[in-house]
Amino acid sequence: MSTTVARPADLLDLAGTELGISRWREIRQPDVDAFADATGDRQWIHVDSDRARSGPFGGTIAHGFLTLALFIPLLSELLVIEQVGMSINYGLNRVRFPAPVPVGSRVRLRAVLAAAEPVPGGVQITIDGTIERDGGDKPACVLQAVHRHLA
């Protein structure tokens, strides 16, 4: 279930609102490998399945920044702004990776629209996000993201 608003200004009334929970998304080794290729971060714990089997997590794990990058596609399931000229990632106030994400596991996003304020040409929102791992006892990623939606 997503939250849909007509215009960025409509977000001002939603501060403090839970946006919901996304669908589960599987973390696949080809996605981890593609991220490693794109960023140049080919550390063995992410890309060497044989070596990682005897490592601390029993297999390969997703990069923390890959997990963070999934925030946007997962958020797009939860928040739809129908008449927006442009949306930009303005930054992050904080981000932590409390638990690893093993390849083959699933993650989802739980998000709250923590704050909304007018800015020239639109609205700036702050979203508190938690990326959960299916069966995990700790979140994979906890973040506070700042976005601007311009009319």
C-alpha atoms as a PDB file:
ATOM      1  CA  MET A   1       0.000   0.000   0.000  1.00  0.00           C
ATOM      2  CA  SER A   2       1.470   3.341  -0.983  1.00  0.00           C
ATOM      3  CA  THR A   3       0.818   6.907   0.054  1.00  0.00           C
ATOM      4  CA  THR A   4      -0.139   8.995  -2.956  1.00  0.00           C
ATOM      5  CA  VAL A   5      -0.302  12.779  -3.061  1.00  0.00           C
ATOM      6  CA  ALA A   6      -1.195  15.018  -5.967  1.00  0.00           C
ATOM      7  CA  ARG A   7       1.483  17.694  -5.465  1.00  0.00           C
ATOM      8  CA  PRO A   8       4.630  18.174  -3.393  1.00  0.00           C
ATOM      9  CA  ALA A   9       2.817  20.749  -1.205  1.00  0.00           C
ATOM     10  CA  ASP A  10       0.463  17.964  -0.054  1.00  0.00           C
ATOM     11  CA  LEU A  11       3.393  16.394   1.795  1.00  0.00           C
ATOM     12  CA  LEU A  12       3.314  19.214   4.340  1.00  0.00           C
ATOM     13  CA  ASP A  13       0.200  17.698   5.931  1.00  0.00           C
ATOM     14  CA  LEU A  14       1.764  14.242   6.227  1.00  0.00           C
ATOM     15  CA  ALA A  15       4.658  14.952   8.613  1.00  0.00           C
ATOM     16  CA  GLY A  16       4.801  12.218  11.228  1.00  0.00           C
ATOM     17  CA  THR A  17       2.919   9.752   9.027  1.00  0.00           C
ATOM     18  CA  GLU A  18       4.046   6.160   8.551  1.00  0.00           C
ATOM     19  CA  LEU A  19       4.398   5.541   4.825  1.00  0.00           C
ATOM     20  CA  GLY A  20       4.231   1.775   5.195  1.00  0.00           C
ATOM     21  CA  ILE A  21       6.297  -1.277   4.383  1.00  0.00           C
ATOM     22  CA  SER A  22       7.563  -2.210   0.924  1.00  0.00           C
ATOM     23  CA  ARG A  23       7.514  -5.624  -0.672  1.00  0.00           C
ATOM     24  CA  TRP A  24      10.423  -7.978  -0.041  1.00  0.00           C
ATOM     25  CA  ARG A  25      13.328  -7.782  -2.489  1.00  0.00           C
ATOM     26  CA  GLU A  26      15.826 -10.621  -2.885  1.00  0.00           C
ATOM     27  CA  ILE A  27      19.527  -9.837  -2.774  1.00  0.00           C
ATOM     28  CA  ARG A  28      21.119 -11.785  -5.631  1.00  0.00           C
ATOM     29  CA  GLN A  29      24.810 -12.399  -6.299  1.00  0.00           C
ATOM     30  CA  PRO A  30      24.635 -10.934  -9.845  1.00  0.00           C
ATOM     31  CA  ASP A  31      23.341  -7.666  -8.333  1.00  0.00           C
ATOM     32  CA  VAL A  32      26.148  -7.631  -5.761  1.00  0.00           C
ATOM     33  CA  ASP A  33      28.684  -8.353  -8.521  1.00  0.00           C
ATOM     34  CA  ALA A  34      27.269  -5.557 -10.707  1.00  0.00           C
ATOM     35  CA  PHE A  35      27.490  -3.137  -7.773  1.00  0.00           C
ATOM     36  CA  ALA A  36      31.087  -4.238  -7.149  1.00  0.00           C
ATOM     37  CA  ASP A  37      31.929  -3.634 -10.805  1.00  0.00           C
ATOM     38  CA  ALA A  38      30.227  -0.221 -10.842  1.00  0.00           C
ATOM     39  CA  THR A  39      31.974   0.999  -7.677  1.00  0.00           C
ATOM     40  CA  GLY A  40      35.282  -0.836  -7.887  1.00  0.00           C
ATOM     41  CA  ASP A  41      34.651  -2.336  -4.431  1.00  0.00           C
ATOM     42  CA  ARG A  42      35.438  -5.977  -5.169  1.00  0.00           C
ATOM     43  CA  GLN A  43      36.314  -7.044  -1.629  1.00  0.00           C
ATOM     44  CA  TRP A  44      36.171 -10.843  -1.324  1.00  0.00           C
ATOM     45  CA  ILE A  45      33.372 -10.834   1.265  1.00  0.00           C
ATOM     46  CA  HIS A  46      31.083  -9.543  -1.498  1.00  0.00           C
ATOM     47  CA  VAL A  47      32.272 -11.295  -4.655  1.00  0.00           C
ATOM     48  CA  ASP A  48      34.257 -14.463  -3.816  1.00  0.00           C
ATOM     49  CA  SER A  49      31.663 -17.094  -2.877  1.00  0.00           C
ATOM     50  CA  ASP A  50      34.249 -19.815  -2.210  1.00  0.00           C
ATOM     51  CA  ARG A  51      36.373 -17.718   0.138  1.00  0.00           C
ATOM     52  CA  ALA A  52      33.323 -16.129   1.793  1.00  0.00           C
ATOM     53  CA  ARG A  53      31.915 -19.561   2.741  1.00  0.00           C
ATOM     54  CA  SER A  54      34.720 -19.855   5.299  1.00  0.00           C
ATOM     55  CA  GLY A  55      34.464 -16.190   6.299  1.00  0.00           C
ATOM     56  CA  PRO A  56      32.629 -14.619   9.221  1.00  0.00           C
ATOM     57  CA  PHE A  57      29.167 -14.677   7.571  1.00  0.00           C
ATOM     58  CA  GLY A  58      29.229 -18.124   5.927  1.00  0.00           C
ATOM     59  CA  GLY A  59      28.846 -16.643   2.451  1.00  0.00           C
ATOM     60  CA  THR A  60      28.909 -13.439   0.486  1.00  0.00           C
ATOM     61  CA  ILE A  61      27.115 -10.358   1.738  1.00  0.00           C
ATOM     62  CA  ALA A  62      25.777  -7.252   0.035  1.00  0.00           C
ATOM     63  CA  HIS A  63      27.787  -4.058   0.267  1.00  0.00           C
ATOM     64  CA  GLY A  64      26.368  -1.693   2.870  1.00  0.00           C
ATOM     65  CA  PHE A  65      26.107   0.983   0.195  1.00  0.00           C
ATOM     66  CA  LEU A  66      24.200  -1.416  -2.085  1.00  0.00           C
ATOM     67  CA  THR A  67      21.714  -1.914   0.733  1.00  0.00           C
ATOM     68  CA  LEU A  68      21.498   1.869   1.119  1.00  0.00           C
ATOM     69  CA  ALA A  69      21.033   2.314  -2.648  1.00  0.00           C
ATOM     70  CA  LEU A  70      17.945   0.085  -2.496  1.00  0.00           C
ATOM     71  CA  PHE A  71      16.258   2.762  -0.377  1.00  0.00           C
ATOM     72  CA  ILE A  72      15.093   4.708  -3.454  1.00  0.00           C
ATOM     73  CA  PRO A  73      13.440   1.847  -5.373  1.00  0.00           C
ATOM     74  CA  LEU A  74      11.871   0.525  -2.164  1.00  0.00           C
ATOM     75  CA  LEU A  75      10.645   4.006  -1.214  1.00  0.00           C
ATOM     76  CA  SER A  76       9.064   4.397  -4.658  1.00  0.00           C
ATOM     77  CA  GLU A  77       6.663   1.614  -3.633  1.00  0.00           C
ATOM     78  CA  LEU A  78       5.606   3.643  -0.579  1.00  0.00           C
ATOM     79  CA  LEU A  79       5.398   7.260  -1.740  1.00  0.00           C
ATOM     80  CA  VAL A  80       3.974   8.506  -5.035  1.00  0.00           C
ATOM     81  CA  ILE A  81       3.800  12.198  -5.952  1.00  0.00           C
ATOM     82  CA  GLU A  82       1.671  12.498  -9.070  1.00  0.00           C
ATOM     83  CA  GLN A  83       2.448  16.048 -10.205  1.00  0.00           C
ATOM     84  CA  VAL A  84       6.103  16.642  -9.448  1.00  0.00           C
ATOM     85  CA  GLY A  85       8.529  18.478 -11.697  1.00  0.00           C
ATOM     86  CA  MET A  86      11.670  17.001 -10.168  1.00  0.00           C
ATOM     87  CA  SER A  87      12.696  14.993  -7.126  1.00  0.00           C
ATOM     88  CA  ILE A  88      16.245  15.042  -5.814  1.00  0.00           C
ATOM     89  CA  ASN A  89      18.152  13.279  -3.080  1.00  0.00           C
ATOM     90  CA  TYR A  90      19.315  16.200  -0.963  1.00  0.00           C
ATOM     91  CA  GLY A  91      21.378  14.129   1.441  1.00  0.00           C
ATOM     92  CA  LEU A  92      21.487  11.896   4.464  1.00  0.00           C
ATOM     93  CA  ASN A  93      21.454  13.049   8.064  1.00  0.00           C
ATOM     94  CA  ARG A  94      22.572   9.662   9.285  1.00  0.00           C
ATOM     95  CA  VAL A  95      23.041   6.092   8.152  1.00  0.00           C
ATOM     96  CA  ARG A  96      24.087   2.941   9.994  1.00  0.00           C
ATOM     97  CA  PHE A  97      24.464  -0.711   8.975  1.00  0.00           C
ATOM     98  CA  PRO A  98      23.680  -2.711  12.153  1.00  0.00           C
ATOM     99  CA  ALA A  99      23.621  -6.143  10.449  1.00  0.00           C
ATOM    100  CA  PRO A 100      24.949  -7.744   7.266  1.00  0.00           C
ATOM    101  CA  VAL A 101      22.729  -8.778   4.349  1.00  0.00           C
ATOM    102  CA  PRO A 102      23.693 -12.264   3.135  1.00  0.00           C
ATOM    103  CA  VAL A 103      23.274 -12.937  -0.563  1.00  0.00           C
ATOM    104  CA  GLY A 104      20.043 -14.868  -1.058  1.00  0.00           C
ATOM    105  CA  SER A 105      18.234 -13.071   1.751  1.00  0.00           C
ATOM    106  CA  ARG A 106      15.379 -10.610   1.313  1.00  0.00           C
ATOM    107  CA  VAL A 107      15.060  -7.006   2.440  1.00  0.00           C
ATOM    108  CA  ARG A 108      12.227  -4.516   2.693  1.00  0.00           C
ATOM    109  CA  LEU A 109      11.787  -0.899   3.741  1.00  0.00           C
ATOM    110  CA  ARG A 110       9.731   0.484   6.595  1.00  0.00           C
ATOM    111  CA  ALA A 111       9.463   4.287   6.330  1.00  0.00           C
ATOM    112  CA  VAL A 112       8.049   7.275   8.180  1.00  0.00           C
ATOM    113  CA  LEU A 113       7.717  10.787   6.769  1.00  0.00           C
ATOM    114  CA  ALA A 114       9.390  12.389   9.774  1.00  0.00           C
ATOM    115  CA  ALA A 115       9.250  16.029   8.635  1.00  0.00           C
ATOM    116  CA  ALA A 116       8.129  18.232   5.756  1.00  0.00           C
ATOM    117  CA  GLU A 117       8.880  21.895   5.205  1.00  0.00           C
ATOM    118  CA  PRO A 118       8.479  24.338   2.354  1.00  0.00           C
ATOM    119  CA  VAL A 119      11.562  25.317   0.356  1.00  0.00           C
ATOM    120  CA  PRO A 120      11.775  27.612  -2.668  1.00  0.00           C
ATOM    121  CA  GLY A 121       9.898  25.879  -5.473  1.00  0.00           C
ATOM    122  CA  GLY A 122       8.700  22.891  -3.480  1.00  0.00           C
ATOM    123  CA  VAL A 123       8.925  20.839  -0.327  1.00  0.00           C
ATOM    124  CA  GLN A 124      11.801  19.234   1.554  1.00  0.00           C
ATOM    125  CA  ILE A 125      11.009  16.019   3.384  1.00  0.00           C
ATOM    126  CA  THR A 126      12.927  13.968   5.905  1.00  0.00           C
ATOM    127  CA  ILE A 127      12.284  10.237   5.882  1.00  0.00           C
ATOM    128  CA  ASP A 128      13.219   7.845   8.664  1.00  0.00           C
ATOM    129  CA  GLY A 129      13.881   4.514   6.991  1.00  0.00           C
ATOM    130  CA  THR A 130      14.647   1.044   8.254  1.00  0.00           C
ATOM    131  CA  ILE A 131      15.730  -1.638   5.817  1.00  0.00           C
ATOM    132  CA  GLU A 132      14.863  -4.948   7.422  1.00  0.00           C
ATOM    133  CA  ARG A 133      16.215  -8.393   6.528  1.00  0.00           C
ATOM    134  CA  ASP A 134      13.761 -11.267   6.467  1.00  0.00           C
ATOM    135  CA  GLY A 135      14.476 -13.313   9.595  1.00  0.00           C
ATOM    136  CA  GLY A 136      17.064 -10.860  10.889  1.00  0.00           C
ATOM    137  CA  ASP A 137      17.007  -9.762  14.517  1.00  0.00           C
ATOM    138  CA  LYS A 138      18.582  -6.374  13.705  1.00  0.00           C
ATOM    139  CA  PRO A 139      17.946  -3.994  10.811  1.00  0.00           C
ATOM    140  CA  ALA A 140      20.302  -4.128   7.847  1.00  0.00           C
ATOM    141  CA  CYS A 141      20.277  -0.350   7.488  1.00  0.00           C
ATOM    142  CA  VAL A 142      18.823   2.540   9.461  1.00  0.00           C
ATOM    143  CA  LEU A 143      18.828   5.925   7.790  1.00  0.00           C
ATOM    144  CA  GLN A 144      17.426   9.399   7.725  1.00  0.00           C
ATOM    145  CA  ALA A 145      17.173  10.732   4.175  1.00  0.00           C
ATOM    146  CA  VAL A 146      16.402  14.261   3.004  1.00  0.00           C
ATOM    147  CA  HIS A 147      14.656  14.740  -0.351  1.00  0.00           C
ATOM    148  CA  ARG A 148      13.406  17.758  -2.224  1.00  0.00           C
ATOM    149  CA  HIS A 149      10.334  17.591  -4.423  1.00  0.00           C
ATOM    150  CA  LEU A 150       9.894  20.543  -6.723  1.00  0.00           C
ATOM    151  CA  ALA A 151       6.725  21.538  -8.529  1.00  0.00           C
END
